[in-house]
């Protein structure tokens, strides 16, 4: 999996490309657990090109969720393919995490919940 980053003053977008499995989950965890990431008011995770997510990948999001909440930083996932979203839905994580359809929706949602 490849992760690209785009940052502005208050927003960080992480774009995920490929498959988020046990080996690549380490890279995502490094990004999300970096001490400087919660300085962003919103962290948007672009899942448009995410083809697959394993339990290890899900675990990375769950493990970091509380830290974002404690820092009042919005962690928002967007653009999931149906097969990836279904994994979150089956596990009930769609109720715990903010998942929206598009980047515009993610930006708008973060703006109203900052």
N, C-alpha and C. Protein backbone atom coordinates (compact mmCIF):
# COMPACT_ATOMS: atom_id res chain seq x y z
N UNK A 1 0.83 -1.17 0.00
CA UNK A 1 0.00 0.00 0.00
C UNK A 1 0.88 1.24 0.00
N UNK A 2 0.41 2.26 -0.67
CA UNK A 2 1.10 3.53 -0.72
C UNK A 2 0.24 4.58 -0.02
N UNK A 3 0.88 5.45 0.76
CA UNK A 3 0.18 6.54 1.44
C UNK A 3 0.79 7.85 0.97
N UNK A 4 -0.06 8.73 0.45
CA UNK A 4 0.41 10.07 0.11
C UNK A 4 -0.29 11.06 1.04
N UNK A 5 0.39 12.18 1.28
CA UNK A 5 -0.14 13.18 2.22
C UNK A 5 -0.26 14.54 1.54
N UNK A 6 -1.32 15.24 1.90
CA UNK A 6 -1.51 16.63 1.51
C UNK A 6 -1.89 17.38 2.78
N UNK A 7 -1.21 18.48 3.04
CA UNK A 7 -1.48 19.21 4.27
C UNK A 7 -1.73 20.69 3.99
N UNK A 8 -2.67 21.25 4.73
CA UNK A 8 -2.86 22.69 4.80
C UNK A 8 -2.67 23.07 6.26
N UNK A 9 -3.00 24.28 6.59
CA UNK A 9 -2.78 24.73 7.96
C UNK A 9 -3.52 23.87 8.99
N UNK A 10 -4.78 23.50 8.70
CA UNK A 10 -5.56 22.77 9.69
C UNK A 10 -6.09 21.42 9.22
N UNK A 11 -5.70 21.00 8.01
CA UNK A 11 -6.22 19.75 7.46
C UNK A 11 -5.08 18.90 6.90
N UNK A 12 -5.13 17.61 7.22
CA UNK A 12 -4.21 16.64 6.63
C UNK A 12 -5.05 15.60 5.92
N UNK A 13 -4.71 15.35 4.66
CA UNK A 13 -5.39 14.29 3.91
C UNK A 13 -4.38 13.17 3.67
N UNK A 14 -4.75 11.98 4.10
CA UNK A 14 -3.95 10.78 3.84
C UNK A 14 -4.67 10.00 2.75
N UNK A 15 -4.01 9.80 1.63
CA UNK A 15 -4.61 9.06 0.52
C UNK A 15 -4.01 7.65 0.49
N UNK A 16 -4.88 6.66 0.66
CA UNK A 16 -4.46 5.26 0.71
C UNK A 16 -4.65 4.63 -0.67
N UNK A 17 -3.62 3.97 -1.15
CA UNK A 17 -3.65 3.31 -2.46
C UNK A 17 -3.23 1.86 -2.30
N UNK A 18 -4.11 0.94 -2.69
CA UNK A 18 -3.74 -0.47 -2.66
C UNK A 18 -4.49 -1.25 -1.59
N UNK A 19 -3.77 -2.16 -0.95
CA UNK A 19 -4.36 -3.06 0.04
C UNK A 19 -3.78 -2.77 1.42
N UNK A 20 -4.67 -2.60 2.38
CA UNK A 20 -4.26 -2.35 3.77
C UNK A 20 -4.33 -3.69 4.51
N UNK A 21 -3.18 -4.35 4.57
CA UNK A 21 -3.10 -5.66 5.20
C UNK A 21 -2.13 -5.59 6.38
N UNK A 22 -1.77 -6.73 6.92
CA UNK A 22 -0.93 -6.76 8.12
C UNK A 22 0.42 -6.08 7.90
N UNK A 23 1.01 -6.25 6.75
CA UNK A 23 2.33 -5.64 6.52
C UNK A 23 2.24 -4.14 6.30
N UNK A 24 1.23 -3.67 5.60
CA UNK A 24 1.11 -2.23 5.34
C UNK A 24 0.43 -1.48 6.48
N UNK A 25 -0.26 -2.19 7.36
CA UNK A 25 -0.91 -1.53 8.50
C UNK A 25 0.10 -0.83 9.39
N UNK A 26 1.31 -1.33 9.43
CA UNK A 26 2.37 -0.71 10.23
C UNK A 26 2.64 0.71 9.73
N UNK A 27 2.67 0.88 8.42
CA UNK A 27 2.92 2.21 7.85
C UNK A 27 1.80 3.19 8.20
N UNK A 28 0.55 2.73 8.10
CA UNK A 28 -0.57 3.59 8.44
C UNK A 28 -0.55 3.92 9.93
N UNK A 29 -0.23 2.94 10.76
CA UNK A 29 -0.16 3.19 12.19
C UNK A 29 0.92 4.23 12.51
N UNK A 30 2.05 4.15 11.82
CA UNK A 30 3.09 5.16 12.01
C UNK A 30 2.57 6.55 11.70
N UNK A 31 1.80 6.67 10.63
CA UNK A 31 1.24 7.98 10.25
C UNK A 31 0.23 8.47 11.29
N UNK A 32 -0.71 7.59 11.67
CA UNK A 32 -1.78 8.01 12.58
C UNK A 32 -1.33 8.18 14.01
N UNK A 33 -0.28 7.52 14.41
CA UNK A 33 0.18 7.64 15.80
C UNK A 33 1.29 8.67 15.96
N UNK A 34 1.69 9.31 14.88
CA UNK A 34 2.69 10.37 14.96
C UNK A 34 2.18 11.47 15.89
N UNK A 35 3.03 11.93 16.79
CA UNK A 35 2.62 12.93 17.78
C UNK A 35 2.13 14.23 17.16
N UNK A 36 2.60 14.56 15.98
CA UNK A 36 2.23 15.84 15.37
C UNK A 36 0.91 15.80 14.62
N UNK A 37 0.34 14.63 14.39
CA UNK A 37 -0.85 14.55 13.55
C UNK A 37 -2.07 15.21 14.20
N UNK A 38 -2.18 15.16 15.51
CA UNK A 38 -3.37 15.72 16.15
C UNK A 38 -3.33 17.24 16.24
N UNK A 39 -2.27 17.85 15.72
CA UNK A 39 -2.28 19.31 15.64
C UNK A 39 -3.21 19.79 14.53
N UNK A 40 -3.53 18.88 13.62
CA UNK A 40 -4.50 19.21 12.56
C UNK A 40 -5.91 19.12 13.13
N UNK A 41 -6.72 20.10 12.79
CA UNK A 41 -8.11 20.11 13.26
C UNK A 41 -8.88 18.95 12.63
N UNK A 42 -8.48 18.60 11.41
CA UNK A 42 -9.15 17.48 10.74
C UNK A 42 -8.13 16.65 9.97
N UNK A 43 -8.29 15.35 10.11
CA UNK A 43 -7.48 14.39 9.37
C UNK A 43 -8.45 13.57 8.54
N UNK A 44 -8.32 13.72 7.23
CA UNK A 44 -9.21 13.04 6.30
C UNK A 44 -8.46 11.88 5.66
N UNK A 45 -9.07 10.72 5.64
CA UNK A 45 -8.45 9.53 5.06
C UNK A 45 -9.21 9.18 3.78
N UNK A 46 -8.53 9.34 2.67
CA UNK A 46 -9.11 9.07 1.36
C UNK A 46 -8.98 7.58 1.06
N UNK A 47 -10.11 6.90 1.02
CA UNK A 47 -10.13 5.45 0.79
C UNK A 47 -10.58 5.12 -0.64
N UNK A 48 -10.60 6.11 -1.51
CA UNK A 48 -11.07 5.93 -2.88
C UNK A 48 -10.31 4.81 -3.60
N UNK A 49 -9.01 4.72 -3.36
CA UNK A 49 -8.18 3.73 -4.04
C UNK A 49 -7.76 2.59 -3.12
N UNK A 50 -8.47 2.44 -2.00
CA UNK A 50 -8.21 1.33 -1.08
C UNK A 50 -9.01 0.13 -1.58
N UNK A 51 -8.30 -0.92 -1.97
CA UNK A 51 -8.94 -2.08 -2.58
C UNK A 51 -9.34 -3.16 -1.57
N UNK A 52 -8.66 -3.16 -0.42
CA UNK A 52 -8.87 -4.25 0.55
C UNK A 52 -8.42 -3.75 1.91
N UNK A 53 -9.10 -4.21 2.96
CA UNK A 53 -8.66 -3.91 4.33
C UNK A 53 -8.76 -5.17 5.16
N UNK A 54 -7.70 -5.49 5.88
CA UNK A 54 -7.68 -6.67 6.74
C UNK A 54 -8.03 -6.25 8.17
N UNK A 55 -8.11 -7.23 9.05
CA UNK A 55 -8.38 -6.93 10.46
C UNK A 55 -7.26 -6.07 11.06
N UNK A 56 -6.05 -6.26 10.59
CA UNK A 56 -4.93 -5.44 11.08
C UNK A 56 -5.14 -3.98 10.69
N UNK A 57 -5.63 -3.74 9.48
CA UNK A 57 -5.91 -2.39 9.03
C UNK A 57 -7.02 -1.75 9.84
N UNK A 58 -8.07 -2.52 10.09
CA UNK A 58 -9.17 -2.02 10.94
C UNK A 58 -8.63 -1.69 12.32
N UNK A 59 -7.78 -2.55 12.84
CA UNK A 59 -7.21 -2.35 14.16
C UNK A 59 -6.44 -1.04 14.29
N UNK A 60 -5.78 -0.62 13.24
CA UNK A 60 -5.05 0.65 13.27
C UNK A 60 -6.00 1.82 13.49
N UNK A 61 -7.12 1.82 12.78
CA UNK A 61 -8.09 2.90 12.95
C UNK A 61 -8.68 2.89 14.36
N UNK A 62 -9.07 1.70 14.83
CA UNK A 62 -9.66 1.58 16.16
C UNK A 62 -8.67 1.99 17.24
N UNK A 63 -7.42 1.58 17.10
CA UNK A 63 -6.40 1.88 18.11
C UNK A 63 -6.12 3.38 18.23
N UNK A 64 -6.31 4.12 17.15
CA UNK A 64 -5.99 5.55 17.17
C UNK A 64 -7.21 6.45 17.36
N UNK A 65 -8.39 5.90 17.30
CA UNK A 65 -9.61 6.70 17.37
C UNK A 65 -9.71 7.54 18.64
N UNK A 66 -9.46 6.95 19.77
CA UNK A 66 -9.60 7.67 21.05
C UNK A 66 -8.62 8.84 21.14
N UNK A 67 -7.43 8.66 20.63
CA UNK A 67 -6.43 9.73 20.66
C UNK A 67 -6.91 10.95 19.88
N UNK A 68 -7.52 10.72 18.74
CA UNK A 68 -8.06 11.82 17.95
C UNK A 68 -9.20 12.50 18.70
N UNK A 69 -10.07 11.71 19.30
CA UNK A 69 -11.18 12.28 20.06
C UNK A 69 -10.68 13.10 21.24
N UNK A 70 -9.70 12.58 21.95
CA UNK A 70 -9.14 13.31 23.10
C UNK A 70 -8.51 14.63 22.68
N UNK A 71 -7.96 14.69 21.48
CA UNK A 71 -7.30 15.90 20.98
C UNK A 71 -8.27 16.83 20.25
N UNK A 72 -9.55 16.48 20.23
CA UNK A 72 -10.57 17.25 19.49
C UNK A 72 -10.18 17.44 18.03
N UNK A 73 -9.60 16.41 17.48
CA UNK A 73 -9.23 16.39 16.06
C UNK A 73 -10.20 15.44 15.35
N UNK A 74 -10.76 15.88 14.25
CA UNK A 74 -11.72 15.06 13.50
C UNK A 74 -10.98 14.07 12.61
N UNK A 75 -11.23 12.79 12.79
CA UNK A 75 -10.72 11.75 11.91
C UNK A 75 -11.90 11.29 11.06
N UNK A 76 -11.82 11.54 9.76
CA UNK A 76 -12.94 11.25 8.87
C UNK A 76 -12.44 10.44 7.68
N UNK A 77 -13.09 9.32 7.43
CA UNK A 77 -12.77 8.47 6.29
C UNK A 77 -13.77 8.75 5.18
N UNK A 78 -13.30 8.75 3.93
CA UNK A 78 -14.23 8.99 2.83
C UNK A 78 -13.84 8.19 1.59
N UNK A 79 -14.85 8.04 0.72
CA UNK A 79 -14.61 7.42 -0.59
C UNK A 79 -14.44 5.91 -0.57
N UNK A 80 -15.00 5.23 0.41
CA UNK A 80 -14.81 3.78 0.48
C UNK A 80 -15.59 3.04 -0.59
N UNK A 81 -14.94 2.05 -1.16
CA UNK A 81 -15.62 1.12 -2.04
C UNK A 81 -16.58 0.29 -1.18
N UNK A 82 -17.63 -0.22 -1.79
CA UNK A 82 -18.63 -0.98 -1.04
C UNK A 82 -18.03 -2.13 -0.24
N UNK A 83 -17.09 -2.87 -0.86
CA UNK A 83 -16.54 -4.05 -0.17
C UNK A 83 -15.71 -3.66 1.05
N UNK A 84 -15.10 -2.48 1.03
CA UNK A 84 -14.34 -2.00 2.19
C UNK A 84 -15.31 -1.47 3.24
N UNK A 85 -16.30 -0.70 2.81
CA UNK A 85 -17.29 -0.16 3.75
C UNK A 85 -18.03 -1.29 4.47
N UNK A 86 -18.33 -2.36 3.74
CA UNK A 86 -19.05 -3.49 4.35
C UNK A 86 -18.30 -4.07 5.55
N UNK A 87 -16.98 -4.07 5.50
CA UNK A 87 -16.19 -4.57 6.64
C UNK A 87 -16.43 -3.68 7.86
N UNK A 88 -16.40 -2.37 7.68
CA UNK A 88 -16.67 -1.44 8.78
C UNK A 88 -18.09 -1.61 9.30
N UNK A 89 -19.03 -1.79 8.38
CA UNK A 89 -20.43 -1.93 8.74
C UNK A 89 -20.69 -3.22 9.52
N UNK A 90 -20.13 -4.32 9.05
CA UNK A 90 -20.33 -5.61 9.72
C UNK A 90 -19.80 -5.56 11.15
N UNK A 91 -18.70 -4.87 11.34
CA UNK A 91 -18.09 -4.77 12.67
C UNK A 91 -18.72 -3.68 13.54
N UNK A 92 -19.65 -2.93 12.98
CA UNK A 92 -20.31 -1.86 13.73
C UNK A 92 -19.47 -0.60 13.85
N UNK A 93 -18.39 -0.53 13.11
CA UNK A 93 -17.49 0.63 13.21
C UNK A 93 -18.03 1.85 12.48
N UNK A 94 -19.00 1.63 11.60
CA UNK A 94 -19.62 2.77 10.92
C UNK A 94 -20.38 3.65 11.91
N UNK A 95 -20.73 3.09 13.08
CA UNK A 95 -21.41 3.87 14.12
C UNK A 95 -20.40 4.59 15.03
N UNK A 96 -19.16 4.12 15.07
CA UNK A 96 -18.14 4.72 15.93
C UNK A 96 -17.27 5.73 15.21
N UNK A 97 -17.12 5.56 13.91
CA UNK A 97 -16.23 6.40 13.12
C UNK A 97 -17.05 7.20 12.13
N UNK A 98 -16.51 8.32 11.73
CA UNK A 98 -17.18 9.14 10.72
C UNK A 98 -16.71 8.69 9.34
N UNK A 99 -17.67 8.19 8.56
CA UNK A 99 -17.38 7.71 7.22
C UNK A 99 -18.38 8.39 6.28
N UNK A 100 -17.86 9.11 5.31
CA UNK A 100 -18.73 9.82 4.36
C UNK A 100 -18.33 9.44 2.93
N UNK A 101 -19.14 9.89 1.97
CA UNK A 101 -18.93 9.47 0.59
C UNK A 101 -17.81 10.17 -0.15
N UNK A 102 -17.68 11.50 0.04
CA UNK A 102 -16.74 12.25 -0.78
C UNK A 102 -15.84 13.15 0.07
N UNK A 103 -14.80 13.65 -0.56
CA UNK A 103 -13.91 14.58 0.12
C UNK A 103 -14.65 15.86 0.51
N UNK A 104 -15.52 16.35 -0.36
CA UNK A 104 -16.29 17.55 -0.04
C UNK A 104 -17.15 17.33 1.20
N UNK A 105 -17.76 16.16 1.31
CA UNK A 105 -18.57 15.84 2.49
C UNK A 105 -17.69 15.77 3.74
N UNK A 106 -16.50 15.21 3.59
CA UNK A 106 -15.58 15.10 4.72
C UNK A 106 -15.17 16.47 5.22
N UNK A 107 -14.84 17.38 4.30
CA UNK A 107 -14.45 18.73 4.67
C UNK A 107 -15.61 19.45 5.33
N UNK A 108 -16.81 19.32 4.76
CA UNK A 108 -18.00 19.96 5.32
C UNK A 108 -18.32 19.41 6.71
N UNK A 109 -18.22 18.10 6.87
CA UNK A 109 -18.51 17.48 8.17
C UNK A 109 -17.52 17.94 9.22
N UNK A 110 -16.27 17.97 8.87
CA UNK A 110 -15.23 18.41 9.82
C UNK A 110 -15.43 19.86 10.19
N UNK A 111 -15.90 20.67 9.25
CA UNK A 111 -16.13 22.08 9.53
C UNK A 111 -17.25 22.32 10.51
N UNK A 112 -18.24 21.42 10.54
CA UNK A 112 -19.37 21.59 11.44
C UNK A 112 -19.15 20.93 12.79
N UNK A 113 -18.11 20.11 12.89
CA UNK A 113 -17.88 19.38 14.14
C UNK A 113 -16.52 19.66 14.72
N UNK A 114 -15.96 20.80 14.45
CA UNK A 114 -14.63 21.11 14.95
C UNK A 114 -14.70 21.62 16.37
